[in-house]
């Protein structure tokens, strides 16, 4: 099982100045190169877009920067520029996913609670 979670915070849209997009993708990969088969299938592909208040945007932005900027793992991509902040977390097995989720649980819960 391969999982990829990405979070993008943007401030360059006039109609939505405090914008966040989250994507969660789970894929199952089967390979049998001896028979010439390499196959990947998306099991889950979920995307959600948010228009945030300035305060909530700044709160999530600070949490992401504090969590990811200085503490990068090989499974985490972190980029930041004037227009956006982006993180992408990728795991290649269930145990790795569980460990990454536990490590970054605070940010996931903060985003999940926006919809409650």
C-alpha atoms as a PDB file:
ATOM      1  CA  UNK A   1       0.000   0.000   0.000  1.00  0.00           C
ATOM      2  CA  UNK A   2       1.406   3.376  -1.006  1.00  0.00           C
ATOM      3  CA  UNK A   3      -0.049   6.535   0.508  1.00  0.00           C
ATOM      4  CA  UNK A   4       0.514  10.180  -0.330  1.00  0.00           C
ATOM      5  CA  UNK A   5      -0.903  13.134   1.578  1.00  0.00           C
ATOM      6  CA  UNK A   6      -0.331  16.643   0.301  1.00  0.00           C
ATOM      7  CA  UNK A   7      -1.296  19.989   1.797  1.00  0.00           C
ATOM      8  CA  UNK A   8      -0.938  23.261  -0.087  1.00  0.00           C
ATOM      9  CA  UNK A   9      -1.505  26.689   1.460  1.00  0.00           C
ATOM     10  CA  UNK A  10      -1.805  29.550  -1.045  1.00  0.00           C
ATOM     11  CA  UNK A  11      -2.226  33.305  -0.845  1.00  0.00           C
ATOM     12  CA  UNK A  12      -2.175  34.291  -4.512  1.00  0.00           C
ATOM     13  CA  UNK A  13      -5.855  34.070  -5.422  1.00  0.00           C
ATOM     14  CA  UNK A  14      -7.932  37.238  -5.416  1.00  0.00           C
ATOM     15  CA  UNK A  15     -11.242  35.435  -4.907  1.00  0.00           C
ATOM     16  CA  UNK A  16      -9.871  33.253  -2.075  1.00  0.00           C
ATOM     17  CA  UNK A  17      -6.867  34.945  -0.453  1.00  0.00           C
ATOM     18  CA  UNK A  18      -6.465  32.308   2.300  1.00  0.00           C
ATOM     19  CA  UNK A  19      -6.757  29.016   0.468  1.00  0.00           C
ATOM     20  CA  UNK A  20      -5.796  25.447   1.335  1.00  0.00           C
ATOM     21  CA  UNK A  21      -6.034  22.267  -0.708  1.00  0.00           C
ATOM     22  CA  UNK A  22      -5.564  18.795   0.759  1.00  0.00           C
ATOM     23  CA  UNK A  23      -5.204  15.550  -1.182  1.00  0.00           C
ATOM     24  CA  UNK A  24      -5.076  11.997   0.103  1.00  0.00           C
ATOM     25  CA  UNK A  25      -4.247   9.146  -2.239  1.00  0.00           C
ATOM     26  CA  UNK A  26      -3.943   5.450  -1.417  1.00  0.00           C
ATOM     27  CA  UNK A  27      -2.702   3.049  -4.077  1.00  0.00           C
ATOM     28  CA  UNK A  28      -2.207  -0.667  -4.212  1.00  0.00           C
ATOM     29  CA  UNK A  29       0.723  -1.873  -6.278  1.00  0.00           C
ATOM     30  CA  UNK A  30       1.083  -5.349  -7.645  1.00  0.00           C
ATOM     31  CA  UNK A  31       4.150  -6.276  -9.561  1.00  0.00           C
ATOM     32  CA  UNK A  32       5.089  -9.465 -11.239  1.00  0.00           C
ATOM     33  CA  UNK A  33       7.916  -8.526 -13.547  1.00  0.00           C
ATOM     34  CA  UNK A  34       8.535 -12.145 -14.447  1.00  0.00           C
ATOM     35  CA  UNK A  35       5.190 -12.089 -16.245  1.00  0.00           C
ATOM     36  CA  UNK A  36       5.660  -8.519 -17.498  1.00  0.00           C
ATOM     37  CA  UNK A  37       3.053  -6.995 -15.176  1.00  0.00           C
ATOM     38  CA  UNK A  38       3.557  -3.806 -13.235  1.00  0.00           C
ATOM     39  CA  UNK A  39       0.265  -2.394 -12.057  1.00  0.00           C
ATOM     40  CA  UNK A  40      -0.826   0.347  -9.683  1.00  0.00           C
ATOM     41  CA  UNK A  41      -4.441   1.013  -8.789  1.00  0.00           C
ATOM     42  CA  UNK A  42      -5.830   3.967  -6.859  1.00  0.00           C
ATOM     43  CA  UNK A  43      -7.937   2.710  -3.996  1.00  0.00           C
ATOM     44  CA  UNK A  44      -8.754   6.160  -2.633  1.00  0.00           C
ATOM     45  CA  UNK A  45      -8.280   9.564  -4.199  1.00  0.00           C
ATOM     46  CA  UNK A  46      -9.721  12.325  -1.996  1.00  0.00           C
ATOM     47  CA  UNK A  47      -9.347  16.063  -2.464  1.00  0.00           C
ATOM     48  CA  UNK A  48     -10.781  18.912  -0.413  1.00  0.00           C
ATOM     49  CA  UNK A  49     -10.463  22.662  -0.956  1.00  0.00           C
ATOM     50  CA  UNK A  50     -10.815  25.222   1.836  1.00  0.00           C
ATOM     51  CA  UNK A  51     -11.311  28.985   1.950  1.00  0.00           C
ATOM     52  CA  UNK A  52      -9.914  29.911   5.350  1.00  0.00           C
ATOM     53  CA  UNK A  53     -10.129  32.943   7.579  1.00  0.00           C
ATOM     54  CA  UNK A  54      -6.898  34.872   7.913  1.00  0.00           C
ATOM     55  CA  UNK A  55      -6.478  33.755  11.538  1.00  0.00           C
ATOM     56  CA  UNK A  56      -6.956  30.045  10.745  1.00  0.00           C
ATOM     57  CA  UNK A  57      -4.679  30.316   7.699  1.00  0.00           C
ATOM     58  CA  UNK A  58      -1.913  31.843   9.829  1.00  0.00           C
ATOM     59  CA  UNK A  59      -2.418  29.217  12.551  1.00  0.00           C
ATOM     60  CA  UNK A  60      -2.086  26.317  10.100  1.00  0.00           C
ATOM     61  CA  UNK A  61       0.785  28.028   8.283  1.00  0.00           C
ATOM     62  CA  UNK A  62       2.738  28.429  11.543  1.00  0.00           C
ATOM     63  CA  UNK A  63       2.052  24.829  12.539  1.00  0.00           C
ATOM     64  CA  UNK A  64       3.256  23.525   9.155  1.00  0.00           C
ATOM     65  CA  UNK A  65       6.411  25.659   9.169  1.00  0.00           C
ATOM     66  CA  UNK A  66       7.241  24.777  12.787  1.00  0.00           C
ATOM     67  CA  UNK A  67       6.634  21.076  12.150  1.00  0.00           C
ATOM     68  CA  UNK A  68       8.265  20.567   8.752  1.00  0.00           C
ATOM     69  CA  UNK A  69      10.767  23.306   7.908  1.00  0.00           C
ATOM     70  CA  UNK A  70      13.635  22.184  10.146  1.00  0.00           C
ATOM     71  CA  UNK A  71      12.672  18.548  10.644  1.00  0.00           C
ATOM     72  CA  UNK A  72      12.471  16.846   7.284  1.00  0.00           C
ATOM     73  CA  UNK A  73      12.356  13.111   6.766  1.00  0.00           C
ATOM     74  CA  UNK A  74      13.025  11.338   3.496  1.00  0.00           C
ATOM     75  CA  UNK A  75       9.273  10.638   3.203  1.00  0.00           C
ATOM     76  CA  UNK A  76       8.408  14.363   3.439  1.00  0.00           C
ATOM     77  CA  UNK A  77       8.725  17.055   0.783  1.00  0.00           C
ATOM     78  CA  UNK A  78       8.520  20.635   2.065  1.00  0.00           C
ATOM     79  CA  UNK A  79       8.606  23.714  -0.152  1.00  0.00           C
ATOM     80  CA  UNK A  80       7.909  27.331   0.659  1.00  0.00           C
ATOM     81  CA  UNK A  81       7.912  30.489  -1.444  1.00  0.00           C
ATOM     82  CA  UNK A  82       6.122  33.847  -1.475  1.00  0.00           C
ATOM     83  CA  UNK A  83       2.931  32.379  -2.936  1.00  0.00           C
ATOM     84  CA  UNK A  84       2.573  28.974  -1.325  1.00  0.00           C
ATOM     85  CA  UNK A  85       3.644  26.430   1.248  1.00  0.00           C
ATOM     86  CA  UNK A  86       3.464  22.773   0.245  1.00  0.00           C
ATOM     87  CA  UNK A  87       4.074  19.532   2.079  1.00  0.00           C
ATOM     88  CA  UNK A  88       3.775  16.032   0.682  1.00  0.00           C
ATOM     89  CA  UNK A  89       4.068  12.959   2.883  1.00  0.00           C
ATOM     90  CA  UNK A  90       4.562   9.584   1.221  1.00  0.00           C
ATOM     91  CA  UNK A  91       4.720   6.129   2.745  1.00  0.00           C
ATOM     92  CA  UNK A  92       5.317   2.791   1.076  1.00  0.00           C
ATOM     93  CA  UNK A  93       3.753   0.437   3.606  1.00  0.00           C
ATOM     94  CA  UNK A  94       1.161   0.359   6.365  1.00  0.00           C
ATOM     95  CA  UNK A  95       3.659   0.558   9.232  1.00  0.00           C
ATOM     96  CA  UNK A  96       5.407   3.577   7.737  1.00  0.00           C
ATOM     97  CA  UNK A  97       2.021   5.281   7.221  1.00  0.00           C
ATOM     98  CA  UNK A  98       1.031   4.622  10.828  1.00  0.00           C
ATOM     99  CA  UNK A  99       4.323   6.053  12.130  1.00  0.00           C
ATOM    100  CA  UNK A 100       4.054   9.178   9.959  1.00  0.00           C
ATOM    101  CA  UNK A 101       0.428   9.709  10.968  1.00  0.00           C
ATOM    102  CA  UNK A 102       1.332   9.487  14.653  1.00  0.00           C
ATOM    103  CA  UNK A 103       4.290  11.847  14.188  1.00  0.00           C
ATOM    104  CA  UNK A 104       2.198  14.498  12.419  1.00  0.00           C
ATOM    105  CA  UNK A 105      -1.129  13.819  14.131  1.00  0.00           C
ATOM    106  CA  UNK A 106      -1.507  17.398  15.398  1.00  0.00           C
ATOM    107  CA  UNK A 107      -1.555  18.909  11.909  1.00  0.00           C
ATOM    108  CA  UNK A 108      -3.930  16.232  10.576  1.00  0.00           C
ATOM    109  CA  UNK A 109      -6.354  16.756  13.464  1.00  0.00           C
ATOM    110  CA  UNK A 110      -6.226  20.548  13.086  1.00  0.00           C
ATOM    111  CA  UNK A 111      -7.215  20.253   9.427  1.00  0.00           C
ATOM    112  CA  UNK A 112      -9.773  17.508  10.048  1.00  0.00           C
ATOM    113  CA  UNK A 113     -11.484  19.600  12.731  1.00  0.00           C
ATOM    114  CA  UNK A 114     -12.080  22.467  10.286  1.00  0.00           C
ATOM    115  CA  UNK A 115     -15.083  20.610   8.897  1.00  0.00           C
ATOM    116  CA  UNK A 116     -16.685  19.556  12.211  1.00  0.00           C
END
